[in-house]
Amino acid sequence: MFNPFSAVRTAICRAKKGGFANMGQEELLSAALQGLVKKFKIDPNMVEDICVGNVLPPGGGATLARMAAFHAGYGVIGVLCSHTVNIH
């Protein structure tokens, strides 16, 4: 059964030196959003809202969730609301 309040996260590695050192936040978040599609077998076009938590994102992270969602294939058809919450 699909739980609309489910969560996924990216892997953890060493800061500024690990395997994700050269990846942008949007790319990491896009992978997590694609993981939701695979895990729950959902149509990304049916998603209406995405909420992302991030600690001290550059520039306030205003577009992080939206850019990652588009990169992951969400919101291609219809309207997608997304927002990033600074959890600092």
Protein backbone atom coordinates (compact mmCIF):
# COMPACT_ATOMS: atom_id res chain seq x y z
CA MET A 1 0.00 0.00 0.00
CA PHE A 2 1.25 3.48 -0.87
CA ASN A 3 1.92 5.81 2.03
CA PRO A 4 1.70 9.44 0.83
CA PHE A 5 3.98 10.51 3.67
CA SER A 6 6.93 8.29 2.79
CA ALA A 7 10.53 9.37 2.67
CA VAL A 8 13.77 8.35 1.02
CA ARG A 9 17.25 9.77 1.39
CA THR A 10 20.53 9.78 -0.43
CA ALA A 11 23.53 7.79 0.70
CA ILE A 12 26.00 9.33 3.14
CA CYS A 13 29.71 9.83 2.42
CA ARG A 14 32.59 12.05 3.49
CA ALA A 15 31.98 15.77 3.08
CA LYS A 16 33.84 17.45 0.18
CA LYS A 17 35.97 14.33 -0.38
CA GLY A 18 33.54 11.45 -0.89
CA GLY A 19 31.96 9.96 -3.97
CA PHE A 20 29.42 12.78 -4.26
CA ALA A 21 31.93 15.65 -4.00
CA ASN A 22 31.38 16.78 -7.60
CA MET A 23 27.62 16.23 -7.75
CA GLY A 24 25.12 19.03 -7.39
CA GLN A 25 22.32 18.94 -4.83
CA GLU A 26 19.76 18.74 -7.62
CA GLU A 27 21.37 15.55 -8.98
CA LEU A 28 21.38 13.87 -5.55
CA LEU A 29 17.78 14.85 -4.86
CA SER A 30 16.74 13.77 -8.35
CA ALA A 31 18.08 10.27 -7.61
CA ALA A 32 16.04 10.14 -4.39
CA LEU A 33 12.89 11.28 -6.21
CA GLN A 34 13.44 8.66 -8.90
CA GLY A 35 13.82 6.11 -6.10
CA LEU A 36 10.32 6.99 -4.86
CA VAL A 37 8.88 6.29 -8.31
CA LYS A 38 10.56 2.88 -8.41
CA LYS A 39 9.84 1.96 -4.79
CA PHE A 40 6.12 2.77 -4.85
CA LYS A 41 5.44 2.36 -8.59
CA ILE A 42 3.81 5.77 -8.86
CA ASP A 43 3.25 8.03 -11.85
CA PRO A 44 5.39 11.13 -11.22
CA ASN A 45 2.82 13.22 -13.12
CA MET A 46 0.26 12.48 -10.40
CA VAL A 47 2.45 14.06 -7.68
CA GLU A 48 1.11 17.47 -6.71
CA ASP A 49 3.48 18.54 -3.93
CA ILE A 50 7.09 17.83 -2.97
CA CYS A 51 8.61 19.04 0.31
CA VAL A 52 12.38 18.84 0.75
CA GLY A 53 14.32 19.40 3.95
CA ASN A 54 17.86 20.73 3.72
CA VAL A 55 20.28 22.30 6.17
CA LEU A 56 21.76 25.63 5.05
CA PRO A 57 21.37 25.24 1.28
CA PRO A 58 23.27 27.76 -0.87
CA GLY A 59 21.08 30.72 -1.80
CA GLY A 60 18.37 29.54 0.57
CA GLY A 61 17.58 26.50 -1.60
CA ALA A 62 14.51 28.13 -3.12
CA THR A 63 14.68 26.24 -6.40
CA LEU A 64 16.39 23.03 -5.23
CA ALA A 65 13.21 20.94 -4.95
CA ARG A 66 11.74 22.25 -8.19
CA MET A 67 14.85 21.67 -10.33
CA ALA A 68 15.40 18.20 -8.89
CA ALA A 69 11.75 17.28 -9.45
CA PHE A 70 11.92 18.30 -13.11
CA HIS A 71 15.22 16.43 -13.54
CA ALA A 72 13.59 13.30 -12.06
CA GLY A 73 10.63 13.53 -14.45
CA TYR A 74 8.02 14.97 -12.09
CA GLY A 75 5.62 17.69 -13.23
CA VAL A 76 6.00 17.09 -16.96
CA ILE A 77 2.22 17.11 -17.26
CA GLY A 78 0.19 19.35 -14.97
CA VAL A 79 1.18 21.59 -12.09
CA LEU A 80 3.79 20.68 -9.50
CA CYS A 81 4.22 22.61 -6.28
CA SER A 82 7.50 22.13 -4.51
CA HIS A 83 9.30 23.81 -1.65
CA THR A 84 12.50 23.48 0.29
CA VAL A 85 12.52 23.80 4.07
CA ASN A 86 15.70 25.03 5.77
CA ILE A 87 16.02 22.71 8.78
CA HIS A 88 18.68 24.77 10.51
